[in-house]
C-alpha atoms as a PDB file:
ATOM      1  CA  UNK A   1     -12.931   0.405   3.371  1.00  0.00           C
ATOM      2  CA  UNK A   2     -10.444   2.672   1.699  1.00  0.00           C
ATOM      3  CA  UNK A   3     -11.052   4.640  -1.442  1.00  0.00           C
ATOM      4  CA  UNK A   4      -9.703   3.466  -4.769  1.00  0.00           C
ATOM      5  CA  UNK A   5      -7.490   5.591  -6.962  1.00  0.00           C
ATOM      6  CA  UNK A   6      -8.238   5.137 -10.648  1.00  0.00           C
ATOM      7  CA  UNK A   7      -5.433   3.890 -12.856  1.00  0.00           C
ATOM      8  CA  UNK A   8      -3.846   6.590 -14.950  1.00  0.00           C
ATOM      9  CA  UNK A   9      -0.580   7.483 -16.629  1.00  0.00           C
ATOM     10  CA  UNK A  10       2.292   7.357 -14.132  1.00  0.00           C
ATOM     11  CA  UNK A  11       3.165  10.751 -12.730  1.00  0.00           C
ATOM     12  CA  UNK A  12       5.628  11.800 -10.078  1.00  0.00           C
ATOM     13  CA  UNK A  13       3.696  12.955  -7.022  1.00  0.00           C
ATOM     14  CA  UNK A  14       4.456  13.024  -3.312  1.00  0.00           C
ATOM     15  CA  UNK A  15       2.604   9.731  -3.015  1.00  0.00           C
ATOM     16  CA  UNK A  16       4.456   7.944  -5.822  1.00  0.00           C
ATOM     17  CA  UNK A  17       7.807   9.141  -4.491  1.00  0.00           C
ATOM     18  CA  UNK A  18       6.882   7.973  -0.967  1.00  0.00           C
ATOM     19  CA  UNK A  19       5.825   4.577  -2.350  1.00  0.00           C
ATOM     20  CA  UNK A  20       9.164   4.269  -4.154  1.00  0.00           C
ATOM     21  CA  UNK A  21      11.117   5.136  -0.980  1.00  0.00           C
ATOM     22  CA  UNK A  22       9.137   2.676   1.161  1.00  0.00           C
ATOM     23  CA  UNK A  23       9.548  -0.099  -1.425  1.00  0.00           C
ATOM     24  CA  UNK A  24      13.296   0.604  -1.618  1.00  0.00           C
ATOM     25  CA  UNK A  25      13.654   0.408   2.171  1.00  0.00           C
ATOM     26  CA  UNK A  26      11.724  -2.874   2.321  1.00  0.00           C
ATOM     27  CA  UNK A  27      13.716  -4.427  -0.528  1.00  0.00           C
ATOM     28  CA  UNK A  28      17.224  -3.276   0.475  1.00  0.00           C
ATOM     29  CA  UNK A  29      17.834  -6.128   2.900  1.00  0.00           C
ATOM     30  CA  UNK A  30      15.577  -9.155   2.515  1.00  0.00           C
ATOM     31  CA  UNK A  31      17.107 -10.626   5.670  1.00  0.00           C
ATOM     32  CA  UNK A  32      15.703  -7.903   7.924  1.00  0.00           C
ATOM     33  CA  UNK A  33      13.258  -9.160  10.541  1.00  0.00           C
ATOM     34  CA  UNK A  34      10.077  -7.208   9.798  1.00  0.00           C
ATOM     35  CA  UNK A  35       8.481  -8.398  13.038  1.00  0.00           C
ATOM     36  CA  UNK A  36      11.351  -6.805  14.961  1.00  0.00           C
ATOM     37  CA  UNK A  37      10.930  -3.620  12.926  1.00  0.00           C
ATOM     38  CA  UNK A  38       7.233  -3.618  13.846  1.00  0.00           C
ATOM     39  CA  UNK A  39       8.095  -4.157  17.503  1.00  0.00           C
ATOM     40  CA  UNK A  40      10.473  -1.185  17.518  1.00  0.00           C
ATOM     41  CA  UNK A  41       8.021   0.923  15.513  1.00  0.00           C
ATOM     42  CA  UNK A  42       5.345   0.464  18.184  1.00  0.00           C
ATOM     43  CA  UNK A  43       7.742   0.915  21.107  1.00  0.00           C
ATOM     44  CA  UNK A  44       9.650   3.932  19.803  1.00  0.00           C
ATOM     45  CA  UNK A  45       7.227   5.970  17.692  1.00  0.00           C
ATOM     46  CA  UNK A  46       3.798   7.540  18.192  1.00  0.00           C
ATOM     47  CA  UNK A  47       0.769   5.372  17.336  1.00  0.00           C
ATOM     48  CA  UNK A  48      -0.059   7.484  14.283  1.00  0.00           C
ATOM     49  CA  UNK A  49       3.023   6.079  12.528  1.00  0.00           C
ATOM     50  CA  UNK A  50       1.964   2.455  12.679  1.00  0.00           C
ATOM     51  CA  UNK A  51      -1.699   3.344  12.133  1.00  0.00           C
ATOM     52  CA  UNK A  52      -0.674   4.964   8.864  1.00  0.00           C
ATOM     53  CA  UNK A  53       1.367   1.884   7.941  1.00  0.00           C
ATOM     54  CA  UNK A  54      -1.718  -0.222   8.625  1.00  0.00           C
ATOM     55  CA  UNK A  55      -3.775   1.934   6.240  1.00  0.00           C
ATOM     56  CA  UNK A  56      -1.020   1.587   3.635  1.00  0.00           C
ATOM     57  CA  UNK A  57      -0.993  -2.190   4.018  1.00  0.00           C
ATOM     58  CA  UNK A  58      -4.782  -2.574   3.840  1.00  0.00           C
ATOM     59  CA  UNK A  59      -5.027  -0.318   0.802  1.00  0.00           C
ATOM     60  CA  UNK A  60      -2.214  -2.176  -0.965  1.00  0.00           C
ATOM     61  CA  UNK A  61      -3.989  -5.488  -0.314  1.00  0.00           C
ATOM     62  CA  UNK A  62      -7.289  -4.187  -1.666  1.00  0.00           C
ATOM     63  CA  UNK A  63      -5.633  -2.697  -4.746  1.00  0.00           C
ATOM     64  CA  UNK A  64      -3.776  -5.956  -5.389  1.00  0.00           C
ATOM     65  CA  UNK A  65      -7.029  -7.937  -5.242  1.00  0.00           C
ATOM     66  CA  UNK A  66      -8.710  -5.490  -7.645  1.00  0.00           C
ATOM     67  CA  UNK A  67      -5.740  -5.595 -10.018  1.00  0.00           C
ATOM     68  CA  UNK A  68      -5.769  -9.417 -10.111  1.00  0.00           C
ATOM     69  CA  UNK A  69      -9.530  -9.460 -10.666  1.00  0.00           C
ATOM     70  CA  UNK A  70      -9.190  -6.943 -13.517  1.00  0.00           C
ATOM     71  CA  UNK A  71      -6.496  -9.114 -15.090  1.00  0.00           C
ATOM     72  CA  UNK A  72      -8.889 -12.071 -14.872  1.00  0.00           C
ATOM     73  CA  UNK A  73     -11.775 -10.070 -16.364  1.00  0.00           C
ATOM     74  CA  UNK A  74     -13.802  -9.717 -13.150  1.00  0.00           C
ATOM     75  CA  UNK A  75     -15.634  -6.408 -12.726  1.00  0.00           C
ATOM     76  CA  UNK A  76     -16.485  -4.770  -9.403  1.00  0.00           C
ATOM     77  CA  UNK A  77     -19.811  -3.094  -8.788  1.00  0.00           C
ATOM     78  CA  UNK A  78     -21.634  -0.932 -11.280  1.00  0.00           C
ATOM     79  CA  UNK A  79     -19.633   0.249 -14.256  1.00  0.00           C
ATOM     80  CA  UNK A  80     -21.548   3.522 -13.992  1.00  0.00           C
ATOM     81  CA  UNK A  81     -19.945   4.331 -10.634  1.00  0.00           C
ATOM     82  CA  UNK A  82     -16.431   4.300 -12.042  1.00  0.00           C
END
């Protein structure tokens, strides 16, 4: 399980800038075959690259689920731990 970053006012950090660049790359050409990109990523780059992409994907999925639950009024765990 990955850690959760609390929601705060948007600031420009290394992480937010990286997220913007990755999103821009993924949205530039919607016709790009992401499976082929994954194939070439594994074949042509060290494993750490796609392991980090996996962490990014899992974290994004978890954050999306939490965001949707918060929009629907569902709380997670003890409110004292937040």
